[in-house]
């Protein structure tokens, strides 16, 4: 199955997302802030990133911006989870290049569908 990096500072939310991913057979790495997430990305080399936007040390937007600057990070699928989905402008969405934006509170069916879509083979 896939390696998934979850960048989320809320321990309850990150554990819930991790359990959903592990239930599907995926290996999970957790990060609590943008700096940890970038370090974990380069070490863990995930096939999918799930990130919150409101995190310490720069937030999910900083993390995704720095991720996209890495050679392997350009094409890594990203699922964005946020309580501020309605406030994201066109420029922010373009910078994030998410395959899916999920509003908080997360719904199980939406998370499972986003996982399946993001990890579907291209072609």
Protein backbone atom coordinates (compact mmCIF):
# COMPACT_ATOMS: atom_id res chain seq x y z
CA UNK A 1 0.00 0.00 0.00
CA UNK A 2 1.03 3.67 0.19
CA UNK A 3 3.15 5.79 2.52
CA UNK A 4 1.11 8.76 3.76
CA UNK A 5 2.37 11.83 5.61
CA UNK A 6 -0.21 13.49 7.86
CA UNK A 7 0.66 17.06 8.87
CA UNK A 8 -1.82 18.10 11.55
CA UNK A 9 -1.19 19.80 14.89
CA UNK A 10 -4.41 18.58 16.54
CA UNK A 11 -3.53 15.18 18.06
CA UNK A 12 -7.13 13.94 17.97
CA UNK A 13 -7.57 14.82 14.30
CA UNK A 14 -4.19 13.36 13.28
CA UNK A 15 -4.89 10.10 15.13
CA UNK A 16 -8.33 9.81 13.52
CA UNK A 17 -6.89 10.39 10.03
CA UNK A 18 -4.03 7.96 10.76
CA UNK A 19 -6.47 5.25 11.83
CA UNK A 20 -8.52 5.70 8.66
CA UNK A 21 -5.36 5.41 6.53
CA UNK A 22 -4.07 2.41 8.48
CA UNK A 23 -7.47 0.72 8.19
CA UNK A 24 -6.93 0.89 4.43
CA UNK A 25 -3.50 -0.73 4.86
CA UNK A 26 -1.34 2.37 4.45
CA UNK A 27 1.80 3.27 6.39
CA UNK A 28 1.56 6.60 8.17
CA UNK A 29 4.01 9.23 9.42
CA UNK A 30 2.78 12.13 11.58
CA UNK A 31 4.06 15.70 11.77
CA UNK A 32 2.77 18.46 14.06
CA UNK A 33 4.02 21.57 12.26
CA UNK A 34 5.34 22.80 8.90
CA UNK A 35 9.00 22.27 9.81
CA UNK A 36 8.45 18.69 11.01
CA UNK A 37 6.32 17.99 7.95
CA UNK A 38 9.01 19.08 5.49
CA UNK A 39 11.66 17.05 7.32
CA UNK A 40 9.36 14.02 7.42
CA UNK A 41 8.58 14.41 3.73
CA UNK A 42 12.26 14.27 2.69
CA UNK A 43 12.97 11.31 4.99
CA UNK A 44 9.74 9.29 4.57
CA UNK A 45 9.14 9.98 0.84
CA UNK A 46 5.35 9.62 1.02
CA UNK A 47 3.12 8.92 -1.95
CA UNK A 48 0.41 11.16 -0.47
CA UNK A 49 0.38 14.16 1.88
CA UNK A 50 -2.61 15.09 4.01
CA UNK A 51 -2.15 18.51 5.60
CA UNK A 52 -4.05 20.95 7.72
CA UNK A 53 -3.56 24.60 6.82
CA UNK A 54 -3.61 26.08 10.35
CA UNK A 55 -0.46 24.64 11.94
CA UNK A 56 2.46 26.14 13.86
CA UNK A 57 5.71 27.29 12.24
CA UNK A 58 4.32 28.52 8.96
CA UNK A 59 1.24 26.39 8.52
CA UNK A 60 0.20 24.00 5.79
CA UNK A 61 0.51 26.61 3.06
CA UNK A 62 4.19 27.13 3.82
CA UNK A 63 4.73 23.38 3.97
CA UNK A 64 3.03 22.77 0.61
CA UNK A 65 4.84 25.71 -1.01
CA UNK A 66 8.21 24.27 0.12
CA UNK A 67 7.13 20.76 -0.82
CA UNK A 68 6.25 21.90 -4.35
CA UNK A 69 9.76 23.38 -4.69
CA UNK A 70 11.32 19.92 -4.23
CA UNK A 71 11.83 17.79 -7.37
CA UNK A 72 9.74 14.87 -6.06
CA UNK A 73 7.25 17.21 -4.38
CA UNK A 74 6.00 18.77 -7.60
CA UNK A 75 3.72 15.85 -8.36
CA UNK A 76 2.96 14.48 -4.90
CA UNK A 77 -0.80 14.41 -4.35
CA UNK A 78 -1.95 16.61 -1.47
CA UNK A 79 -5.23 16.47 0.41
CA UNK A 80 -5.86 19.70 2.30
CA UNK A 81 -8.02 19.63 5.42
CA UNK A 82 -9.14 22.93 6.86
CA UNK A 83 -11.80 24.68 8.81
CA UNK A 84 -11.32 27.61 6.43
CA UNK A 85 -12.09 25.99 3.05
CA UNK A 86 -14.59 28.68 2.09
CA UNK A 87 -11.97 31.40 2.67
CA UNK A 88 -9.37 29.96 0.27
CA UNK A 89 -8.98 32.20 -2.75
CA UNK A 90 -8.06 31.17 -6.27
CA UNK A 91 -4.39 32.11 -5.80
CA UNK A 92 -4.13 30.01 -2.63
CA UNK A 93 -5.77 27.03 -4.31
CA UNK A 94 -3.37 27.33 -7.23
CA UNK A 95 -0.35 27.43 -4.92
CA UNK A 96 -1.57 24.40 -2.98
CA UNK A 97 -2.47 22.38 -6.09
CA UNK A 98 -4.55 20.05 -3.94
CA UNK A 99 -6.21 17.00 -5.34
CA UNK A 100 -8.94 17.59 -2.77
CA UNK A 101 -9.87 20.13 -0.11
CA UNK A 102 -11.85 18.66 2.78
CA UNK A 103 -13.64 20.90 5.28
CA UNK A 104 -13.46 20.29 9.00
CA UNK A 105 -15.04 18.57 10.74
CA UNK A 106 -14.00 15.65 8.57
CA UNK A 107 -16.58 13.17 7.40
CA UNK A 108 -15.49 9.53 7.13
CA UNK A 109 -16.98 8.95 3.68
CA UNK A 110 -15.34 12.10 2.30
CA UNK A 111 -11.95 11.09 3.72
CA UNK A 112 -12.18 7.56 2.29
CA UNK A 113 -13.21 8.87 -1.13
CA UNK A 114 -10.37 11.43 -1.13
CA UNK A 115 -7.86 8.71 -0.19
CA UNK A 116 -9.04 6.43 -2.96
CA UNK A 117 -9.02 9.23 -5.55
CA UNK A 118 -5.59 10.55 -4.56
CA UNK A 119 -3.94 7.13 -4.63
CA UNK A 120 -5.54 5.94 -7.84
CA UNK A 121 -2.89 5.10 -10.44
CA UNK A 122 -2.53 7.71 -13.18
CA UNK A 123 -3.07 6.57 -16.72
